[in-house]
PDB file of N, CA and C in Angstrom:
ATOM      1  N   UNK A   1     106.789  73.873  93.680  1.00  0.00           N
ATOM      2  CA  UNK A   1     105.996  73.746  94.885  1.00  0.00           C
ATOM      3  C   UNK A   1     105.132  74.987  95.041  1.00  0.00           C
ATOM      4  N   UNK A   2     103.850  74.825  95.191  1.00  0.00           N
ATOM      5  CA  UNK A   2     102.906  75.921  95.370  1.00  0.00           C
ATOM      6  C   UNK A   2     102.925  76.387  96.811  1.00  0.00           C
ATOM      7  N   UNK A   3     102.943  77.678  97.010  1.00  0.00           N
ATOM      8  CA  UNK A   3     102.835  78.244  98.348  1.00  0.00           C
ATOM      9  C   UNK A   3     101.415  78.729  98.536  1.00  0.00           C
ATOM     10  N   UNK A   4     100.898  78.634  99.748  1.00  0.00           N
ATOM     11  CA  UNK A   4      99.557  79.130 100.036  1.00  0.00           C
ATOM     12  C   UNK A   4      98.503  78.203  99.472  1.00  0.00           C
ATOM     13  N   UNK A   5      97.293  78.647  99.556  1.00  0.00           N
ATOM     14  CA  UNK A   5      96.161  77.883  99.060  1.00  0.00           C
ATOM     15  C   UNK A   5      95.782  78.386  97.677  1.00  0.00           C
ATOM     16  N   UNK A   6      95.213  77.533  96.815  1.00  0.00           N
ATOM     17  CA  UNK A   6      94.827  77.989  95.476  1.00  0.00           C
ATOM     18  C   UNK A   6      93.918  79.210  95.512  1.00  0.00           C
ATOM     19  N   UNK A   7      92.954  79.220  96.440  1.00  0.00           N
ATOM     20  CA  UNK A   7      92.051  80.370  96.503  1.00  0.00           C
ATOM     21  C   UNK A   7      92.767  81.625  96.978  1.00  0.00           C
ATOM     22  N   UNK A   8      93.889  81.467  97.680  1.00  0.00           N
ATOM     23  CA  UNK A   8      94.622  82.636  98.155  1.00  0.00           C
ATOM     24  C   UNK A   8      95.280  83.376  96.998  1.00  0.00           C
ATOM     25  N   UNK A   9      95.603  82.675  95.927  1.00  0.00           N
ATOM     26  CA  UNK A   9      96.167  83.354  94.770  1.00  0.00           C
ATOM     27  C   UNK A   9      95.113  84.227  94.110  1.00  0.00           C
ATOM     28  N   UNK A  10      93.854  83.826  94.189  1.00  0.00           N
ATOM     29  CA  UNK A  10      92.777  84.687  93.723  1.00  0.00           C
ATOM     30  C   UNK A  10      92.696  85.924  94.605  1.00  0.00           C
ATOM     31  N   UNK A  11      92.907  85.756  95.921  1.00  0.00           N
ATOM     32  CA  UNK A  11      92.919  86.899  96.833  1.00  0.00           C
ATOM     33  C   UNK A  11      94.073  87.829  96.489  1.00  0.00           C
ATOM     34  N   UNK A  12      95.221  87.278  96.155  1.00  0.00           N
ATOM     35  CA  UNK A  12      96.368  88.099  95.778  1.00  0.00           C
ATOM     36  C   UNK A  12      96.039  88.924  94.543  1.00  0.00           C
ATOM     37  N   UNK A  13      95.323  88.351  93.600  1.00  0.00           N
ATOM     38  CA  UNK A  13      94.917  89.081  92.395  1.00  0.00           C
ATOM     39  C   UNK A  13      93.986  90.228  92.757  1.00  0.00           C
ATOM     40  N   UNK A  14      93.052  89.990  93.666  1.00  0.00           N
ATOM     41  CA  UNK A  14      92.126  91.041  94.110  1.00  0.00           C
ATOM     42  C   UNK A  14      92.910  92.167  94.778  1.00  0.00           C
ATOM     43  N   UNK A  15      93.870  91.812  95.622  1.00  0.00           N
ATOM     44  CA  UNK A  15      94.699  92.824  96.284  1.00  0.00           C
ATOM     45  C   UNK A  15      95.455  93.628  95.235  1.00  0.00           C
ATOM     46  N   UNK A  16      96.064  92.955  94.275  1.00  0.00           N
ATOM     47  CA  UNK A  16      96.813  93.636  93.218  1.00  0.00           C
ATOM     48  C   UNK A  16      95.926  94.631  92.475  1.00  0.00           C
ATOM     49  N   UNK A  17      94.710  94.232  92.187  1.00  0.00           N
ATOM     50  CA  UNK A  17      93.795  95.111  91.466  1.00  0.00           C
ATOM     51  C   UNK A  17      93.389  96.328  92.296  1.00  0.00           C
ATOM     52  N   UNK A  18      93.440  96.205  93.625  1.00  0.00           N
ATOM     53  CA  UNK A  18      93.077  97.329  94.491  1.00  0.00           C
ATOM     54  C   UNK A  18      94.240  98.284  94.733  1.00  0.00           C
ATOM     55  N   UNK A  19      95.461  97.835  94.450  1.00  0.00           N
ATOM     56  CA  UNK A  19      96.618  98.715  94.618  1.00  0.00           C
ATOM     57  C   UNK A  19      96.573  99.752  93.499  1.00  0.00           C
ATOM     58  N   UNK A  20      96.568 101.015  93.894  1.00  0.00           N
ATOM     59  CA  UNK A  20      96.497 102.112  92.936  1.00  0.00           C
ATOM     60  C   UNK A  20      97.872 102.767  92.874  1.00  0.00           C
ATOM     61  N   UNK A  21      98.527 102.653  91.736  1.00  0.00           N
ATOM     62  CA  UNK A  21      99.880 103.172  91.608  1.00  0.00           C
ATOM     63  C   UNK A  21      99.922 104.693  91.552  1.00  0.00           C
ATOM     64  N   UNK A  22      98.768 105.331  91.421  1.00  0.00           N
ATOM     65  CA  UNK A  22      98.705 106.789  91.479  1.00  0.00           C
ATOM     66  C   UNK A  22      98.490 107.274  92.907  1.00  0.00           C
ATOM     67  N   UNK A  23      98.122 106.363  93.783  1.00  0.00           N
ATOM     68  CA  UNK A  23      97.886 106.701  95.188  1.00  0.00           C
ATOM     69  C   UNK A  23      98.699 105.744  96.057  1.00  0.00           C
ATOM     70  N   UNK A  24     100.008 105.873  95.975  1.00  0.00           N
ATOM     71  CA  UNK A  24     100.902 104.919  96.618  1.00  0.00           C
ATOM     72  C   UNK A  24     100.762 104.888  98.133  1.00  0.00           C
ATOM     73  N   UNK A  25     100.571 106.040  98.753  1.00  0.00           N
ATOM     74  CA  UNK A  25     100.477 106.074 100.212  1.00  0.00           C
ATOM     75  C   UNK A  25      99.266 105.294 100.703  1.00  0.00           C
ATOM     76  N   UNK A  26      98.121 105.522 100.090  1.00  0.00           N
ATOM     77  CA  UNK A  26      96.924 104.798 100.534  1.00  0.00           C
ATOM     78  C   UNK A  26      97.023 103.316 100.180  1.00  0.00           C
ATOM     79  N   UNK A  27      97.679 102.991  99.085  1.00  0.00           N
ATOM     80  CA  UNK A  27      97.878 101.585  98.729  1.00  0.00           C
ATOM     81  C   UNK A  27      98.780 100.890  99.743  1.00  0.00           C
ATOM     82  N   UNK A  28      99.824 101.572 100.191  1.00  0.00           N
ATOM     83  CA  UNK A  28     100.710 100.997 101.205  1.00  0.00           C
ATOM     84  C   UNK A  28      99.964 100.806 102.517  1.00  0.00           C
ATOM     85  N   UNK A  29      99.132 101.773 102.880  1.00  0.00           N
ATOM     86  CA  UNK A  29      98.330 101.642 104.099  1.00  0.00           C
ATOM     87  C   UNK A  29      97.378 100.450 103.981  1.00  0.00           C
ATOM     88  N   UNK A  30      96.779 100.292 102.807  1.00  0.00           N
ATOM     89  CA  UNK A  30      95.879  99.158 102.559  1.00  0.00           C
ATOM     90  C   UNK A  30      96.631  97.835 102.739  1.00  0.00           C
ATOM     91  N   UNK A  31      97.817  97.730 102.161  1.00  0.00           N
ATOM     92  CA  UNK A  31      98.600  96.501 102.284  1.00  0.00           C
ATOM     93  C   UNK A  31      98.983  96.229 103.737  1.00  0.00           C
ATOM     94  N   UNK A  32      99.319  97.273 104.467  1.00  0.00           N
ATOM     95  CA  UNK A  32      99.727  97.107 105.864  1.00  0.00           C
ATOM     96  C   UNK A  32      98.577  96.630 106.746  1.00  0.00           C
ATOM     97  N   UNK A  33      97.343  96.845 106.312  1.00  0.00           N
ATOM     98  CA  UNK A  33      96.178  96.440 107.099  1.00  0.00           C
ATOM     99  C   UNK A  33      95.643  95.056 106.726  1.00  0.00           C
ATOM    100  N   UNK A  34      96.228  94.424 105.719  1.00  0.00           N
ATOM    101  CA  UNK A  34      95.739  93.118 105.274  1.00  0.00           C
ATOM    102  C   UNK A  34      95.963  92.041 106.327  1.00  0.00           C
ATOM    103  N   UNK A  35      95.122  91.028 106.268  1.00  0.00           N
ATOM    104  CA  UNK A  35      95.309  89.824 107.071  1.00  0.00           C
ATOM    105  C   UNK A  35      96.686  89.245 106.725  1.00  0.00           C
ATOM    106  N   UNK A  36      97.440  88.758 107.703  1.00  0.00           N
ATOM    107  CA  UNK A  36      98.788  88.242 107.430  1.00  0.00           C
ATOM    108  C   UNK A  36      98.849  87.186 106.327  1.00  0.00           C
ATOM    109  N   UNK A  37      97.877  86.285 106.266  1.00  0.00           N
ATOM    110  CA  UNK A  37      97.884  85.252 105.221  1.00  0.00           C
ATOM    111  C   UNK A  37      97.683  85.853 103.837  1.00  0.00           C
ATOM    112  N   UNK A  38      96.801  86.828 103.740  1.00  0.00           N
ATOM    113  CA  UNK A  38      96.547  87.481 102.453  1.00  0.00           C
ATOM    114  C   UNK A  38      97.782  88.273 102.033  1.00  0.00           C
ATOM    115  N   UNK A  39      98.395  88.977 102.979  1.00  0.00           N
ATOM    116  CA  UNK A  39      99.609  89.736 102.675  1.00  0.00           C
ATOM    117  C   UNK A  39     100.724  88.805 102.206  1.00  0.00           C
ATOM    118  N   UNK A  40     100.875  87.675 102.870  1.00  0.00           N
ATOM    119  CA  UNK A  40     101.906  86.714 102.472  1.00  0.00           C
ATOM    120  C   UNK A  40     101.666  86.208 101.051  1.00  0.00           C
ATOM    121  N   UNK A  41     100.427  85.876 100.725  1.00  0.00           N
ATOM    122  CA  UNK A  41     100.118  85.402  99.377  1.00  0.00           C
ATOM    123  C   UNK A  41     100.357  86.488  98.336  1.00  0.00           C
ATOM    124  N   UNK A  42     100.028  87.736  98.687  1.00  0.00           N
ATOM    125  CA  UNK A  42     100.276  88.853  97.771  1.00  0.00           C
ATOM    126  C   UNK A  42     101.779  88.985  97.508  1.00  0.00           C
ATOM    127  N   UNK A  43     102.570  88.902  98.559  1.00  0.00           N
ATOM    128  CA  UNK A  43     104.024  89.031  98.423  1.00  0.00           C
ATOM    129  C   UNK A  43     104.592  87.897  97.572  1.00  0.00           C
ATOM    130  N   UNK A  44     104.089  86.691  97.762  1.00  0.00           N
ATOM    131  CA  UNK A  44     104.569  85.557  96.967  1.00  0.00           C
ATOM    132  C   UNK A  44     104.290  85.751  95.483  1.00  0.00           C
ATOM    133  N   UNK A  45     103.164  86.339  95.166  1.00  0.00           N
ATOM    134  CA  UNK A  45     102.776  86.495  93.767  1.00  0.00           C
ATOM    135  C   UNK A  45     103.278  87.796  93.152  1.00  0.00           C
ATOM    136  N   UNK A  46     103.353  88.859  93.947  1.00  0.00           N
ATOM    137  CA  UNK A  46     103.685  90.186  93.418  1.00  0.00           C
ATOM    138  C   UNK A  46     104.838  90.823  94.190  1.00  0.00           C
ATOM    139  N   UNK A  47     105.899  90.095  94.403  1.00  0.00           N
ATOM    140  CA  UNK A  47     107.024  90.624  95.178  1.00  0.00           C
ATOM    141  C   UNK A  47     107.633  91.864  94.529  1.00  0.00           C
ATOM    142  N   UNK A  48     107.620  91.929  93.213  1.00  0.00           N
ATOM    143  CA  UNK A  48     108.161  93.100  92.517  1.00  0.00           C
ATOM    144  C   UNK A  48     107.413  94.374  92.859  1.00  0.00           C
ATOM    145  N   UNK A  49     106.099  94.274  93.006  1.00  0.00           N
ATOM    146  CA  UNK A  49     105.285  95.430  93.381  1.00  0.00           C
ATOM    147  C   UNK A  49     105.672  95.882  94.778  1.00  0.00           C
ATOM    148  N   UNK A  50     105.839  94.944  95.665  1.00  0.00           N
ATOM    149  CA  UNK A  50     106.200  95.284  97.038  1.00  0.00           C
ATOM    150  C   UNK A  50     107.580  95.933  97.099  1.00  0.00           C
ATOM    151  N   UNK A  51     108.533  95.407  96.374  1.00  0.00           N
ATOM    152  CA  UNK A  51     109.875  95.994  96.337  1.00  0.00           C
ATOM    153  C   UNK A  51     109.805  97.418  95.808  1.00  0.00           C
ATOM    154  N   UNK A  52     109.023  97.632  94.763  1.00  0.00           N
ATOM    155  CA  UNK A  52     108.832  98.975  94.218  1.00  0.00           C
ATOM    156  C   UNK A  52     108.286  99.916  95.283  1.00  0.00           C
ATOM    157  N   UNK A  53     107.230  99.496  95.971  1.00  0.00           N
ATOM    158  CA  UNK A  53     106.625 100.346  96.995  1.00  0.00           C
ATOM    159  C   UNK A  53     107.619 100.675  98.105  1.00  0.00           C
ATOM    160  N   UNK A  54     108.355  99.691  98.559  1.00  0.00           N
ATOM    161  CA  UNK A  54     109.323  99.932  99.628  1.00  0.00           C
ATOM    162  C   UNK A  54     110.397 100.931  99.208  1.00  0.00           C
ATOM    163  N   UNK A  55     110.697 100.979  97.924  1.00  0.00           N
ATOM    164  CA  UNK A  55     111.716 101.904  97.429  1.00  0.00           C
ATOM    165  C   UNK A  55     111.206 103.320  97.209  1.00  0.00           C
ATOM    166  N   UNK A  56     109.925 103.491  96.936  1.00  0.00           N
ATOM    167  CA  UNK A  56     109.428 104.831  96.600  1.00  0.00           C
ATOM    168  C   UNK A  56     108.636 105.499  97.716  1.00  0.00           C
ATOM    169  N   UNK A  57     108.236 104.761  98.714  1.00  0.00           N
ATOM    170  CA  UNK A  57     107.447 105.343  99.801  1.00  0.00           C
ATOM    171  C   UNK A  57     108.326 106.126 100.762  1.00  0.00           C
ATOM    172  N   UNK A  58     107.678 107.009 101.534  1.00  0.00           N
ATOM    173  CA  UNK A  58     108.398 107.708 102.589  1.00  0.00           C
ATOM    174  C   UNK A  58     108.856 106.680 103.626  1.00  0.00           C
ATOM    175  N   UNK A  59     109.837 107.069 104.417  1.00  0.00           N
ATOM    176  CA  UNK A  59     110.465 106.136 105.359  1.00  0.00           C
ATOM    177  C   UNK A  59     109.466 105.548 106.354  1.00  0.00           C
ATOM    178  N   UNK A  60     108.545 106.360 106.865  1.00  0.00           N
ATOM    179  CA  UNK A  60     107.581 105.862 107.851  1.00  0.00           C
ATOM    180  C   UNK A  60     106.698 104.765 107.279  1.00  0.00           C
ATOM    181  N   UNK A  61     106.169 104.982 106.086  1.00  0.00           N
ATOM    182  CA  UNK A  61     105.299 103.967 105.481  1.00  0.00           C
ATOM    183  C   UNK A  61     106.093 102.724 105.087  1.00  0.00           C
ATOM    184  N   UNK A  62     107.286 102.920 104.571  1.00  0.00           N
ATOM    185  CA  UNK A  62     108.122 101.770 104.208  1.00  0.00           C
ATOM    186  C   UNK A  62     108.408 100.905 105.427  1.00  0.00           C
ATOM    187  N   UNK A  63     108.767 101.550 106.530  1.00  0.00           N
ATOM    188  CA  UNK A  63     109.062 100.795 107.751  1.00  0.00           C
ATOM    189  C   UNK A  63     107.822 100.110 108.306  1.00  0.00           C
ATOM    190  N   UNK A  64     106.679 100.783 108.228  1.00  0.00           N
ATOM    191  CA  UNK A  64     105.431 100.168 108.704  1.00  0.00           C
ATOM    192  C   UNK A  64     105.100  98.928 107.872  1.00  0.00           C
ATOM    193  N   UNK A  65     105.207  99.059 106.565  1.00  0.00           N
ATOM    194  CA  UNK A  65     104.914  97.929 105.689  1.00  0.00           C
ATOM    195  C   UNK A  65     105.937  96.810 105.898  1.00  0.00           C
ATOM    196  N   UNK A  66     107.181  97.163 106.019  1.00  0.00           N
ATOM    197  CA  UNK A  66     108.222  96.165 106.253  1.00  0.00           C
ATOM    198  C   UNK A  66     108.002  95.447 107.582  1.00  0.00           C
ATOM    199  N   UNK A  67     107.577  96.187 108.582  1.00  0.00           N
ATOM    200  CA  UNK A  67     107.273  95.590 109.882  1.00  0.00           C
ATOM    201  C   UNK A  67     106.144  94.574 109.765  1.00  0.00           C
ATOM    202  N   UNK A  68     105.111  94.901 109.003  1.00  0.00           N
ATOM    203  CA  UNK A  68     103.989  93.976 108.787  1.00  0.00           C
ATOM    204  C   UNK A  68     104.463  92.734 108.050  1.00  0.00           C
ATOM    205  N   UNK A  69     105.388  92.907 107.135  1.00  0.00           N
ATOM    206  CA  UNK A  69     105.892  91.756 106.383  1.00  0.00           C
ATOM    207  C   UNK A  69     106.646  90.798 107.289  1.00  0.00           C
ATOM    208  N   UNK A  70     107.380  91.325 108.228  1.00  0.00           N
ATOM    209  CA  UNK A  70     108.133  90.447 109.116  1.00  0.00           C
ATOM    210  C   UNK A  70     107.214  89.711 110.078  1.00  0.00           C
ATOM    211  N   UNK A  71     106.014  90.259 110.310  1.00  0.00           N
ATOM    212  CA  UNK A  71     105.043  89.586 111.178  1.00  0.00           C
ATOM    213  C   UNK A  71     104.197  88.581 110.403  1.00  0.00           C
ATOM    214  N   UNK A  72     104.124  88.720 109.085  1.00  0.00           N
ATOM    215  CA  UNK A  72     103.255  87.861 108.267  1.00  0.00           C
ATOM    216  C   UNK A  72     103.863  86.487 108.079  1.00  0.00           C
TER     217      UNK A  72
END
């Protein structure tokens, strides 16, 4: 079963390409500012990236991102 819209998976790819693993803090801030639908599609496609970020970020950013996920 496909989640989201087909074009949203293209959006998830664009988001993934914008995440810079050398600049984790700004990437986490970028993810936290995404539209809820785009964030949800990103999480569905790249959950491993999100889990990684939540584990390596400082507590404030992790909690902010986690809070956005619960609202998405």
